Amino acid sequence: MREETFNILAFENAVTRLKAVLVRYAKDNKDECIRDAVVHRFEFTYLLH
């Protein structure tokens, strides 16, 4: 079994990108593409945790 390590830099980058798309979504919450990006980046960030 391989032990996985937590990559703090990757997690910080993912959180930064999630925050950026949340700012865009707050400005235009009717755009489905931006909403999809929020969901995708959240899932990615969650999986890194």
PDB file of N, CA and C in Angstrom:
ATOM      1  N   MET A   1       0.833  -1.171   0.000  1.00  0.00           N
ATOM      2  CA  MET A   1       0.000   0.000   0.000  1.00  0.00           C
ATOM      3  C   MET A   1       0.885   1.245   0.000  1.00  0.00           C
ATOM      4  N   ARG A   2       0.541   2.188  -0.852  1.00  0.00           N
ATOM      5  CA  ARG A   2       1.316   3.416  -0.981  1.00  0.00           C
ATOM      6  C   ARG A   2       0.721   4.506  -0.088  1.00  0.00           C
ATOM      7  N   GLU A   3       1.558   5.128   0.698  1.00  0.00           N
ATOM      8  CA  GLU A   3       1.084   6.212   1.556  1.00  0.00           C
ATOM      9  C   GLU A   3       1.044   7.502   0.756  1.00  0.00           C
ATOM     10  N   GLU A   4      -0.087   8.189   0.798  1.00  0.00           N
ATOM     11  CA  GLU A   4      -0.240   9.442   0.074  1.00  0.00           C
ATOM     12  C   GLU A   4       0.173  10.594   0.975  1.00  0.00           C
ATOM     13  N   THR A   5       0.800  11.592   0.405  1.00  0.00           N
ATOM     14  CA  THR A   5       1.216  12.753   1.168  1.00  0.00           C
ATOM     15  C   THR A   5       0.337  13.944   0.785  1.00  0.00           C
ATOM     16  N   PHE A   6       0.151  14.842   1.714  1.00  0.00           N
ATOM     17  CA  PHE A   6      -0.644  16.035   1.493  1.00  0.00           C
ATOM     18  C   PHE A   6       0.244  17.104   0.891  1.00  0.00           C
ATOM     19  N   ASN A   7      -0.141  17.600  -0.289  1.00  0.00           N
ATOM     20  CA  ASN A   7       0.624  18.638  -0.972  1.00  0.00           C
ATOM     21  C   ASN A   7      -0.039  19.983  -0.681  1.00  0.00           C
ATOM     22  N   ILE A   8       0.518  20.715   0.269  1.00  0.00           N
ATOM     23  CA  ILE A   8      -0.075  21.986   0.696  1.00  0.00           C
ATOM     24  C   ILE A   8      -0.069  23.005  -0.434  1.00  0.00           C
ATOM     25  N   LEU A   9       0.953  23.012  -1.264  1.00  0.00           N
ATOM     26  CA  LEU A   9       1.022  23.976  -2.361  1.00  0.00           C
ATOM     27  C   LEU A   9      -0.101  23.727  -3.370  1.00  0.00           C
ATOM     28  N   ALA A  10      -0.346  22.484  -3.711  1.00  0.00           N
ATOM     29  CA  ALA A  10      -1.426  22.158  -4.644  1.00  0.00           C
ATOM     30  C   ALA A  10      -2.773  22.559  -4.044  1.00  0.00           C
ATOM     31  N   PHE A  11      -2.947  22.319  -2.752  1.00  0.00           N
ATOM     32  CA  PHE A  11      -4.194  22.676  -2.082  1.00  0.00           C
ATOM     33  C   PHE A  11      -4.380  24.192  -2.063  1.00  0.00           C
ATOM     34  N   GLU A  12      -3.327  24.934  -1.749  1.00  0.00           N
ATOM     35  CA  GLU A  12      -3.414  26.397  -1.733  1.00  0.00           C
ATOM     36  C   GLU A  12      -3.762  26.936  -3.118  1.00  0.00           C
ATOM     37  N   ASN A  13      -3.157  26.370  -4.155  1.00  0.00           N
ATOM     38  CA  ASN A  13      -3.463  26.796  -5.521  1.00  0.00           C
ATOM     39  C   ASN A  13      -4.919  26.492  -5.875  1.00  0.00           C
ATOM     40  N   ALA A  14      -5.399  25.343  -5.468  1.00  0.00           N
ATOM     41  CA  ALA A  14      -6.786  24.972  -5.742  1.00  0.00           C
ATOM     42  C   ALA A  14      -7.749  25.913  -5.028  1.00  0.00           C
ATOM     43  N   VAL A  15      -7.455  26.268  -3.785  1.00  0.00           N
ATOM     44  CA  VAL A  15      -8.307  27.190  -3.034  1.00  0.00           C
ATOM     45  C   VAL A  15      -8.298  28.568  -3.693  1.00  0.00           C
ATOM     46  N   THR A  16      -7.148  29.016  -4.138  1.00  0.00           N
ATOM     47  CA  THR A  16      -7.040  30.313  -4.816  1.00  0.00           C
ATOM     48  C   THR A  16      -7.897  30.330  -6.079  1.00  0.00           C
ATOM     49  N   ARG A  17      -7.828  29.257  -6.844  1.00  0.00           N
ATOM     50  CA  ARG A  17      -8.626  29.183  -8.078  1.00  0.00           C
ATOM     51  C   ARG A  17     -10.114  29.093  -7.771  1.00  0.00           C
ATOM     52  N   LEU A  18     -10.469  28.394  -6.720  1.00  0.00           N
ATOM     53  CA  LEU A  18     -11.873  28.320  -6.307  1.00  0.00           C
ATOM     54  C   LEU A  18     -12.371  29.701  -5.901  1.00  0.00           C
ATOM     55  N   LYS A  19     -11.581  30.427  -5.123  1.00  0.00           N
ATOM     56  CA  LYS A  19     -11.975  31.776  -4.715  1.00  0.00           C
ATOM     57  C   LYS A  19     -12.180  32.687  -5.925  1.00  0.00           C
ATOM     58  N   ALA A  20     -11.302  32.569  -6.919  1.00  0.00           N
ATOM     59  CA  ALA A  20     -11.396  33.412  -8.112  1.00  0.00           C
ATOM     60  C   ALA A  20     -12.702  33.167  -8.867  1.00  0.00           C
ATOM     61  N   VAL A  21     -13.075  31.911  -9.027  1.00  0.00           N
ATOM     62  CA  VAL A  21     -14.314  31.622  -9.750  1.00  0.00           C
ATOM     63  C   VAL A  21     -15.535  31.984  -8.910  1.00  0.00           C
ATOM     64  N   LEU A  22     -15.435  31.921  -7.584  1.00  0.00           N
ATOM     65  CA  LEU A  22     -16.541  32.353  -6.730  1.00  0.00           C
ATOM     66  C   LEU A  22     -16.786  33.854  -6.864  1.00  0.00           C
ATOM     67  N   VAL A  23     -15.728  34.629  -7.025  1.00  0.00           N
ATOM     68  CA  VAL A  23     -15.864  36.074  -7.235  1.00  0.00           C
ATOM     69  C   VAL A  23     -16.608  36.331  -8.543  1.00  0.00           C
ATOM     70  N   ARG A  24     -16.230  35.601  -9.597  1.00  0.00           N
ATOM     71  CA  ARG A  24     -16.935  35.759 -10.884  1.00  0.00           C
ATOM     72  C   ARG A  24     -18.391  35.345 -10.770  1.00  0.00           C
ATOM     73  N   TYR A  25     -18.642  34.274 -10.058  1.00  0.00           N
ATOM     74  CA  TYR A  25     -20.011  33.789  -9.903  1.00  0.00           C
ATOM     75  C   TYR A  25     -20.863  34.782  -9.109  1.00  0.00           C
ATOM     76  N   ALA A  26     -20.270  35.435  -8.136  1.00  0.00           N
ATOM     77  CA  ALA A  26     -20.998  36.436  -7.350  1.00  0.00           C
ATOM     78  C   ALA A  26     -21.435  37.607  -8.227  1.00  0.00           C
ATOM     79  N   LYS A  27     -20.647  37.915  -9.252  1.00  0.00           N
ATOM     80  CA  LYS A  27     -20.973  39.012 -10.168  1.00  0.00           C
ATOM     81  C   LYS A  27     -22.026  38.603 -11.192  1.00  0.00           C
ATOM     82  N   ASP A  28     -22.038  37.322 -11.573  1.00  0.00           N
ATOM     83  CA  ASP A  28     -22.957  36.853 -12.608  1.00  0.00           C
ATOM     84  C   ASP A  28     -23.418  35.438 -12.269  1.00  0.00           C
ATOM     85  N   ASN A  29     -24.393  35.333 -11.377  1.00  0.00           N
ATOM     86  CA  ASN A  29     -24.814  34.012 -10.923  1.00  0.00           C
ATOM     87  C   ASN A  29     -25.839  33.348 -11.847  1.00  0.00           C
ATOM     88  N   LYS A  30     -26.110  33.962 -12.979  1.00  0.00           N
ATOM     89  CA  LYS A  30     -27.013  33.351 -13.949  1.00  0.00           C
ATOM     90  C   LYS A  30     -26.262  32.577 -15.032  1.00  0.00           C
ATOM     91  N   ASP A  31     -24.955  32.729 -15.084  1.00  0.00           N
ATOM     92  CA  ASP A  31     -24.135  32.049 -16.095  1.00  0.00           C
ATOM     93  C   ASP A  31     -23.883  30.605 -15.665  1.00  0.00           C
ATOM     94  N   GLU A  32     -24.455  29.670 -16.409  1.00  0.00           N
ATOM     95  CA  GLU A  32     -24.316  28.257 -16.047  1.00  0.00           C
ATOM     96  C   GLU A  32     -22.882  27.749 -16.183  1.00  0.00           C
ATOM     97  N   CYS A  33     -22.125  28.285 -17.098  1.00  0.00           N
ATOM     98  CA  CYS A  33     -20.726  27.856 -17.264  1.00  0.00           C
ATOM     99  C   CYS A  33     -19.900  28.207 -16.027  1.00  0.00           C
ATOM    100  N   ILE A  34     -20.143  29.392 -15.497  1.00  0.00           N
ATOM    101  CA  ILE A  34     -19.416  29.793 -14.287  1.00  0.00           C
ATOM    102  C   ILE A  34     -19.853  28.923 -13.120  1.00  0.00           C
ATOM    103  N   ARG A  35     -21.163  28.654 -12.997  1.00  0.00           N
ATOM    104  CA  ARG A  35     -21.654  27.771 -11.934  1.00  0.00           C
ATOM    105  C   ARG A  35     -21.011  26.395 -12.032  1.00  0.00           C
ATOM    106  N   ASP A  36     -20.917  25.861 -13.255  1.00  0.00           N
ATOM    107  CA  ASP A  36     -20.283  24.560 -13.446  1.00  0.00           C
ATOM    108  C   ASP A  36     -18.812  24.595 -13.036  1.00  0.00           C
ATOM    109  N   ALA A  37     -18.150  25.713 -13.324  1.00  0.00           N
ATOM    110  CA  ALA A  37     -16.749  25.859 -12.932  1.00  0.00           C
ATOM    111  C   ALA A  37     -16.607  25.887 -11.415  1.00  0.00           C
ATOM    112  N   VAL A  38     -17.553  26.533 -10.731  1.00  0.00           N
ATOM    113  CA  VAL A  38     -17.534  26.555  -9.262  1.00  0.00           C
ATOM    114  C   VAL A  38     -17.630  25.135  -8.718  1.00  0.00           C
ATOM    115  N   VAL A  39     -18.577  24.378  -9.247  1.00  0.00           N
ATOM    116  CA  VAL A  39     -18.766  22.997  -8.785  1.00  0.00           C
ATOM    117  C   VAL A  39     -17.515  22.171  -9.059  1.00  0.00           C
ATOM    118  N   HIS A  40     -16.986  22.298 -10.252  1.00  0.00           N
ATOM    119  CA  HIS A  40     -15.794  21.525 -10.632  1.00  0.00           C
ATOM    120  C   HIS A  40     -14.603  21.864  -9.735  1.00  0.00           C
ATOM    121  N   ARG A  41     -14.358  23.140  -9.523  1.00  0.00           N
ATOM    122  CA  ARG A  41     -13.218  23.540  -8.686  1.00  0.00           C
ATOM    123  C   ARG A  41     -13.418  23.164  -7.228  1.00  0.00           C
ATOM    124  N   PHE A  42     -14.668  23.216  -6.762  1.00  0.00           N
ATOM    125  CA  PHE A  42     -14.930  22.769  -5.400  1.00  0.00           C
ATOM    126  C   PHE A  42     -14.609  21.283  -5.260  1.00  0.00           C
ATOM    127  N   GLU A  43     -15.101  20.488  -6.200  1.00  0.00           N
ATOM    128  CA  GLU A  43     -14.842  19.041  -6.140  1.00  0.00           C
ATOM    129  C   GLU A  43     -13.342  18.759  -6.166  1.00  0.00           C
ATOM    130  N   PHE A  44     -12.626  19.439  -7.039  1.00  0.00           N
ATOM    131  CA  PHE A  44     -11.177  19.249  -7.150  1.00  0.00           C
ATOM    132  C   PHE A  44     -10.485  19.596  -5.833  1.00  0.00           C
ATOM    133  N   THR A  45     -10.876  20.741  -5.258  1.00  0.00           N
ATOM    134  CA  THR A  45     -10.279  21.185  -3.997  1.00  0.00           C
ATOM    135  C   THR A  45     -10.598  20.200  -2.874  1.00  0.00           C
ATOM    136  N   TYR A  46     -11.838  19.742  -2.834  1.00  0.00           N
ATOM    137  CA  TYR A  46     -12.252  18.781  -1.798  1.00  0.00           C
ATOM    138  C   TYR A  46     -11.461  17.497  -1.903  1.00  0.00           C
ATOM    139  N   LEU A  47     -11.236  17.024  -3.108  1.00  0.00           N
ATOM    140  CA  LEU A  47     -10.495  15.781  -3.292  1.00  0.00           C
ATOM    141  C   LEU A  47      -9.033  15.906  -2.854  1.00  0.00           C
ATOM    142  N   LEU A  48      -8.483  17.091  -2.933  1.00  0.00           N
ATOM    143  CA  LEU A  48      -7.099  17.314  -2.482  1.00  0.00           C
ATOM    144  C   LEU A  48      -7.007  17.294  -0.966  1.00  0.00           C
ATOM    145  N   HIS A  49      -8.085  17.617  -0.307  1.00  0.00           N
ATOM    146  CA  HIS A  49      -8.101  17.669   1.154  1.00  0.00           C
ATOM    147  C   HIS A  49      -8.049  16.273   1.662  1.00  0.00           C
TER     148      HIS A  49
END
